[in-house]
Amino acid sequence: MEPEPGLLIENVAQFEELAARMDSPMFGLNFDVGHFYCVGEPLPEAVDAALCEIMFAEAARAGLGALPES
């Protein structure tokens, strides 16, 4: 599951509630740093809260502008 801004599951608390209902070792979290940032979730706390549920992690430069020229 990947929480997404503006959709049913946006943050760690909502994910944890759904994960408890699913009650399956096959259900986990795709932790997208940009999505959690966009909804105002403090990243260190979000990682700590969801650490045991994170199956994948994604970090993109969304909203951070262009990469500097090398």
C-alpha atoms as a PDB file:
ATOM      1  CA  MET A   1       0.000   0.000   0.000  1.00  0.00           C
ATOM      2  CA  GLU A   2       1.300   3.437  -0.887  1.00  0.00           C
ATOM      3  CA  PRO A   3      -0.378   6.329   0.944  1.00  0.00           C
ATOM      4  CA  GLU A   4      -1.083   9.152  -1.481  1.00  0.00           C
ATOM      5  CA  PRO A   5      -2.054  12.804  -0.854  1.00  0.00           C
ATOM      6  CA  GLY A   6      -5.753  13.373  -1.491  1.00  0.00           C
ATOM      7  CA  LEU A   7      -6.718   9.682  -1.499  1.00  0.00           C
ATOM      8  CA  LEU A   8      -8.272   7.364   1.091  1.00  0.00           C
ATOM      9  CA  ILE A   9      -4.960   6.597   2.869  1.00  0.00           C
ATOM     10  CA  GLU A  10      -2.683   9.650   3.243  1.00  0.00           C
ATOM     11  CA  ASN A  11      -0.589   9.138   6.376  1.00  0.00           C
ATOM     12  CA  VAL A  12       0.955   6.569   8.715  1.00  0.00           C
ATOM     13  CA  ALA A  13      -1.975   6.570  11.167  1.00  0.00           C
ATOM     14  CA  GLN A  14      -4.456   5.784   8.388  1.00  0.00           C
ATOM     15  CA  PHE A  15      -2.147   3.112   6.995  1.00  0.00           C
ATOM     16  CA  GLU A  16      -1.742   1.502  10.437  1.00  0.00           C
ATOM     17  CA  GLU A  17      -5.530   1.353  10.858  1.00  0.00           C
ATOM     18  CA  LEU A  18      -5.938  -0.348   7.476  1.00  0.00           C
ATOM     19  CA  ALA A  19      -3.016  -2.719   8.145  1.00  0.00           C
ATOM     20  CA  ALA A  20      -4.607  -3.823  11.409  1.00  0.00           C
ATOM     21  CA  ARG A  21      -7.834  -4.605   9.547  1.00  0.00           C
ATOM     22  CA  MET A  22      -5.992  -6.502   6.815  1.00  0.00           C
ATOM     23  CA  ASP A  23      -4.056  -8.551   9.383  1.00  0.00           C
ATOM     24  CA  SER A  24      -1.823 -10.147   6.738  1.00  0.00           C
ATOM     25  CA  PRO A  25       1.971 -10.533   6.558  1.00  0.00           C
ATOM     26  CA  MET A  26       1.629  -9.867   2.816  1.00  0.00           C
ATOM     27  CA  PHE A  27       0.248  -6.353   3.398  1.00  0.00           C
ATOM     28  CA  GLY A  28       2.938  -3.721   3.802  1.00  0.00           C
ATOM     29  CA  LEU A  29       3.894  -0.130   3.169  1.00  0.00           C
ATOM     30  CA  ASN A  30       5.575   1.487   0.190  1.00  0.00           C
ATOM     31  CA  PHE A  31       7.064   4.477   2.014  1.00  0.00           C
ATOM     32  CA  ASP A  32       7.122   7.343  -0.494  1.00  0.00           C
ATOM     33  CA  VAL A  33       9.069  10.170   1.145  1.00  0.00           C
ATOM     34  CA  GLY A  34       7.547  12.813  -1.146  1.00  0.00           C
ATOM     35  CA  HIS A  35       3.975  11.780  -0.390  1.00  0.00           C
ATOM     36  CA  PHE A  36       4.495  11.856   3.368  1.00  0.00           C
ATOM     37  CA  TYR A  37       6.244  15.222   3.046  1.00  0.00           C
ATOM     38  CA  CYS A  38       3.335  16.637   0.994  1.00  0.00           C
ATOM     39  CA  VAL A  39       0.775  15.771   3.673  1.00  0.00           C
ATOM     40  CA  GLY A  40       2.932  17.290   6.434  1.00  0.00           C
ATOM     41  CA  GLU A  41       3.931  14.008   8.065  1.00  0.00           C
ATOM     42  CA  PRO A  42       7.190  14.496  10.043  1.00  0.00           C
ATOM     43  CA  LEU A  43       9.501  12.080   8.203  1.00  0.00           C
ATOM     44  CA  PRO A  44      11.646  10.746  11.103  1.00  0.00           C
ATOM     45  CA  GLU A  45       8.541  10.063  13.189  1.00  0.00           C
ATOM     46  CA  ALA A  46       6.740   8.484  10.231  1.00  0.00           C
ATOM     47  CA  VAL A  47       9.653   6.119   9.593  1.00  0.00           C
ATOM     48  CA  ASP A  48       9.841   5.181  13.271  1.00  0.00           C
ATOM     49  CA  ALA A  49       6.088   4.543  13.465  1.00  0.00           C
ATOM     50  CA  ALA A  50       5.952   2.407  10.327  1.00  0.00           C
ATOM     51  CA  LEU A  51       9.382   0.767  10.385  1.00  0.00           C
ATOM     52  CA  CYS A  52       8.096  -2.790  10.831  1.00  0.00           C
ATOM     53  CA  GLU A  53       5.575  -2.327   7.992  1.00  0.00           C
ATOM     54  CA  ILE A  54       7.878  -0.783   5.347  1.00  0.00           C
ATOM     55  CA  MET A  55       8.449  -3.187   2.459  1.00  0.00           C
ATOM     56  CA  PHE A  56       9.667  -0.643  -0.084  1.00  0.00           C
ATOM     57  CA  ALA A  57      10.863   2.958   0.053  1.00  0.00           C
ATOM     58  CA  GLU A  58      10.827   5.620  -2.624  1.00  0.00           C
ATOM     59  CA  ALA A  59      12.529   8.992  -2.702  1.00  0.00           C
ATOM     60  CA  ALA A  60      11.987  11.352  -5.624  1.00  0.00           C
ATOM     61  CA  ARG A  61      12.707  15.039  -6.145  1.00  0.00           C
ATOM     62  CA  ALA A  62       9.042  15.943  -6.618  1.00  0.00           C
ATOM     63  CA  GLY A  63       8.522  19.625  -5.890  1.00  0.00           C
ATOM     64  CA  LEU A  64      12.198  20.238  -5.205  1.00  0.00           C
ATOM     65  CA  GLY A  65      13.026  21.798  -8.562  1.00  0.00           C
ATOM     66  CA  ALA A  66      15.551  20.813 -11.196  1.00  0.00           C
ATOM     67  CA  LEU A  67      18.790  19.020 -10.495  1.00  0.00           C
ATOM     68  CA  PRO A  68      21.859  21.257 -10.569  1.00  0.00           C
ATOM     69  CA  GLU A  69      24.054  21.054 -13.668  1.00  0.00           C
ATOM     70  CA  SER A  70      27.207  19.008 -13.139  1.00  0.00           C
END
